[in-house]
């Protein structure tokens, strides 16, 4: 069975998320500046109400500017930082598996999991008698929504893979 369609869908989804994050990143400086200005003037009003001097107000401005720069750096580099953290967590998880053939690249492809499930489930489905298959199919027609979902899935699979069942073995 060809499971690259699942990988293609996942890759397209992740690429769309990354592109959306990059497009929204253009506005991050403006949003951050606006929020920092509001926060600074709120804090500045409290500083002037207590009668402190200009030095404390400028120190507050410096703290807000440094904080805003830190947040800007985090917003600009959030995707690489998140990818590095995910890769590290996966690598640490794989260290405890012993001498398996799993890798971080393999875990990012969902078709690997799908193929392993098909390899495990196909012998069980193949051993079922014909009347058990018919009875399982008839049981799904008790609920019309299950029947509609069943036929929709069957039609989609037939359209995508054709009528040949040789790939499932």
Protein backbone atom coordinates (compact mmCIF):
# COMPACT_ATOMS: atom_id res chain seq x y z
CA UNK A 1 0.00 0.00 0.00
CA UNK A 2 1.32 3.41 -0.96
CA UNK A 3 1.29 5.64 2.12
CA UNK A 4 3.22 8.59 0.72
CA UNK A 5 -0.05 10.52 0.47
CA UNK A 6 -0.12 10.77 4.27
CA UNK A 7 3.45 12.08 4.26
CA UNK A 8 2.60 14.59 1.51
CA UNK A 9 -0.41 15.89 3.45
CA UNK A 10 1.63 16.21 6.65
CA UNK A 11 4.48 17.97 4.83
CA UNK A 12 2.06 20.40 3.17
CA UNK A 13 0.37 21.13 6.50
CA UNK A 14 3.66 21.80 8.27
CA UNK A 15 4.87 23.98 5.39
CA UNK A 16 1.63 26.00 5.57
CA UNK A 17 2.11 26.46 9.32
CA UNK A 18 5.69 27.64 8.81
CA UNK A 19 4.67 30.04 6.04
CA UNK A 20 1.86 31.42 8.17
CA UNK A 21 4.26 31.96 11.05
CA UNK A 22 6.68 33.81 8.78
CA UNK A 23 3.92 36.03 7.39
CA UNK A 24 2.66 36.84 10.88
CA UNK A 25 6.24 37.47 12.02
CA UNK A 26 6.25 40.64 9.92
CA UNK A 27 3.77 42.21 12.32
CA UNK A 28 5.51 40.98 15.47
CA UNK A 29 7.66 44.10 15.87
CA UNK A 30 4.67 46.44 15.55
CA UNK A 31 2.55 44.43 17.98
CA UNK A 32 5.41 44.11 20.44
CA UNK A 33 6.15 47.85 20.24
CA UNK A 34 2.52 48.74 20.79
CA UNK A 35 2.19 46.44 23.82
CA UNK A 36 5.51 47.60 25.27
CA UNK A 37 4.48 51.26 24.91
CA UNK A 38 1.22 50.65 26.75
CA UNK A 39 3.00 48.71 29.50
CA UNK A 40 5.70 51.38 29.84
CA UNK A 41 3.25 54.25 30.17
CA UNK A 42 1.26 52.30 32.72
CA UNK A 43 4.43 51.71 34.73
CA UNK A 44 5.65 55.29 34.17
CA UNK A 45 2.40 56.66 35.62
CA UNK A 46 2.97 54.60 38.78
CA UNK A 47 6.56 55.81 39.04
CA UNK A 48 5.59 59.49 38.73
CA UNK A 49 2.73 59.12 41.21
CA UNK A 50 5.16 58.01 43.91
CA UNK A 51 7.31 61.07 43.26
CA UNK A 52 10.44 59.29 42.13
CA UNK A 53 12.82 61.02 39.82
CA UNK A 54 13.74 60.89 36.19
CA UNK A 55 16.47 58.30 36.85
CA UNK A 56 13.96 55.69 37.99
CA UNK A 57 11.77 56.41 34.98
CA UNK A 58 14.73 55.97 32.61
CA UNK A 59 15.76 52.79 34.41
CA UNK A 60 12.24 51.49 33.90
CA UNK A 61 12.48 52.37 30.22
CA UNK A 62 15.77 50.47 29.96
CA UNK A 63 14.25 47.40 31.63
CA UNK A 64 11.25 47.51 29.29
CA UNK A 65 13.49 47.96 26.24
CA UNK A 66 15.66 44.98 27.23
CA UNK A 67 12.57 42.89 27.88
CA UNK A 68 11.08 43.87 24.53
CA UNK A 69 14.32 42.95 22.76
CA UNK A 70 14.29 39.55 24.47
CA UNK A 71 10.71 38.94 23.41
CA UNK A 72 11.49 40.08 19.87
CA UNK A 73 14.41 37.66 19.66
CA UNK A 74 12.14 34.87 20.92
CA UNK A 75 9.40 35.73 18.42
CA UNK A 76 11.82 35.84 15.49
CA UNK A 77 13.46 32.52 16.40
CA UNK A 78 10.48 30.62 17.82
CA UNK A 79 10.20 28.10 14.96
CA UNK A 80 13.89 27.05 14.98
CA UNK A 81 13.90 26.89 18.78
CA UNK A 82 10.76 24.72 18.78
CA UNK A 83 12.16 22.42 16.08
CA UNK A 84 15.43 22.02 17.99
CA UNK A 85 13.55 21.26 21.23
CA UNK A 86 11.37 18.67 19.47
CA UNK A 87 14.39 17.03 17.82
CA UNK A 88 16.20 16.90 21.16
CA UNK A 89 13.22 15.36 22.94
CA UNK A 90 12.82 12.75 20.20
CA UNK A 91 16.53 11.94 20.27
CA UNK A 92 16.46 11.51 24.05
CA UNK A 93 13.41 9.28 23.73
CA UNK A 94 15.12 7.14 21.11
CA UNK A 95 18.19 6.67 23.31
CA UNK A 96 16.13 4.50 25.64
CA UNK A 97 14.87 2.19 22.89
CA UNK A 98 18.11 0.28 22.51
CA UNK A 99 19.35 -0.90 19.14
CA UNK A 100 16.21 -0.19 17.09
CA UNK A 101 16.19 1.17 13.56
CA UNK A 102 14.12 4.19 14.57
CA UNK A 103 15.48 7.65 13.88
CA UNK A 104 14.25 11.21 14.33
CA UNK A 105 13.62 11.53 10.59
CA UNK A 106 11.56 8.34 10.57
CA UNK A 107 9.40 9.53 13.46
CA UNK A 108 8.45 12.68 11.55
CA UNK A 109 6.80 10.60 8.80
CA UNK A 110 3.36 9.36 9.86
CA UNK A 111 3.28 6.76 7.06
CA UNK A 112 5.79 4.70 9.06
CA UNK A 113 3.21 4.21 11.81
CA UNK A 114 0.48 3.48 9.26
CA UNK A 115 2.58 0.86 7.47
CA UNK A 116 3.48 -0.84 10.76
CA UNK A 117 -0.23 -1.01 11.66
CA UNK A 118 -1.14 -2.47 8.29
CA UNK A 119 1.59 -5.10 8.58
CA UNK A 120 0.30 -6.08 12.02
CA UNK A 121 -3.42 -6.07 11.17
CA UNK A 122 -3.47 -7.63 7.71
CA UNK A 123 -2.80 -11.24 8.80
CA UNK A 124 -5.66 -11.02 11.31
CA UNK A 125 -8.07 -9.67 8.70
CA UNK A 126 -6.91 -12.24 6.16
CA UNK A 127 -7.68 -15.13 8.54
CA UNK A 128 -11.32 -14.10 9.00
CA UNK A 129 -13.86 -16.24 7.18
CA UNK A 130 -16.03 -14.69 4.47
CA UNK A 131 -19.15 -14.74 6.66
CA UNK A 132 -17.30 -12.87 9.43
CA UNK A 133 -16.39 -10.16 6.93
CA UNK A 134 -20.00 -9.94 5.74
CA UNK A 135 -21.32 -9.80 9.31
CA UNK A 136 -18.84 -7.01 10.21
CA UNK A 137 -19.93 -5.04 7.15
CA UNK A 138 -23.64 -5.52 7.95
CA UNK A 139 -23.11 -4.42 11.57
CA UNK A 140 -21.82 -1.08 10.32
CA UNK A 141 -25.16 -0.37 8.61
CA UNK A 142 -27.04 -0.19 11.92
CA UNK A 143 -26.00 3.46 12.18
CA UNK A 144 -26.51 5.38 8.91
CA UNK A 145 -23.60 7.70 9.70
CA UNK A 146 -21.25 4.74 10.02
CA UNK A 147 -22.50 3.40 6.69
CA UNK A 148 -21.96 6.76 5.01
CA UNK A 149 -18.45 7.03 6.48
CA UNK A 150 -17.69 3.45 5.40
CA UNK A 151 -18.76 4.00 1.80
CA UNK A 152 -17.02 7.37 1.63
CA UNK A 153 -13.77 5.80 2.81
CA UNK A 154 -14.16 2.89 0.40
CA UNK A 155 -14.81 5.21 -2.55
CA UNK A 156 -11.85 7.42 -1.65
CA UNK A 157 -9.54 4.44 -1.33
CA UNK A 158 -10.78 2.93 -4.59
CA UNK A 159 -10.34 6.24 -6.34
CA UNK A 160 -6.83 6.71 -4.96
CA UNK A 161 -5.45 3.17 -5.17
CA UNK A 162 -7.63 1.65 -7.87
CA UNK A 163 -9.20 -1.77 -7.57
CA UNK A 164 -5.96 -3.73 -7.20
CA UNK A 165 -5.40 -5.27 -3.77
CA UNK A 166 -1.90 -6.53 -4.53
CA UNK A 167 -0.25 -3.64 -2.65
CA UNK A 168 -1.79 -4.71 0.68
CA UNK A 169 0.17 -7.96 0.88
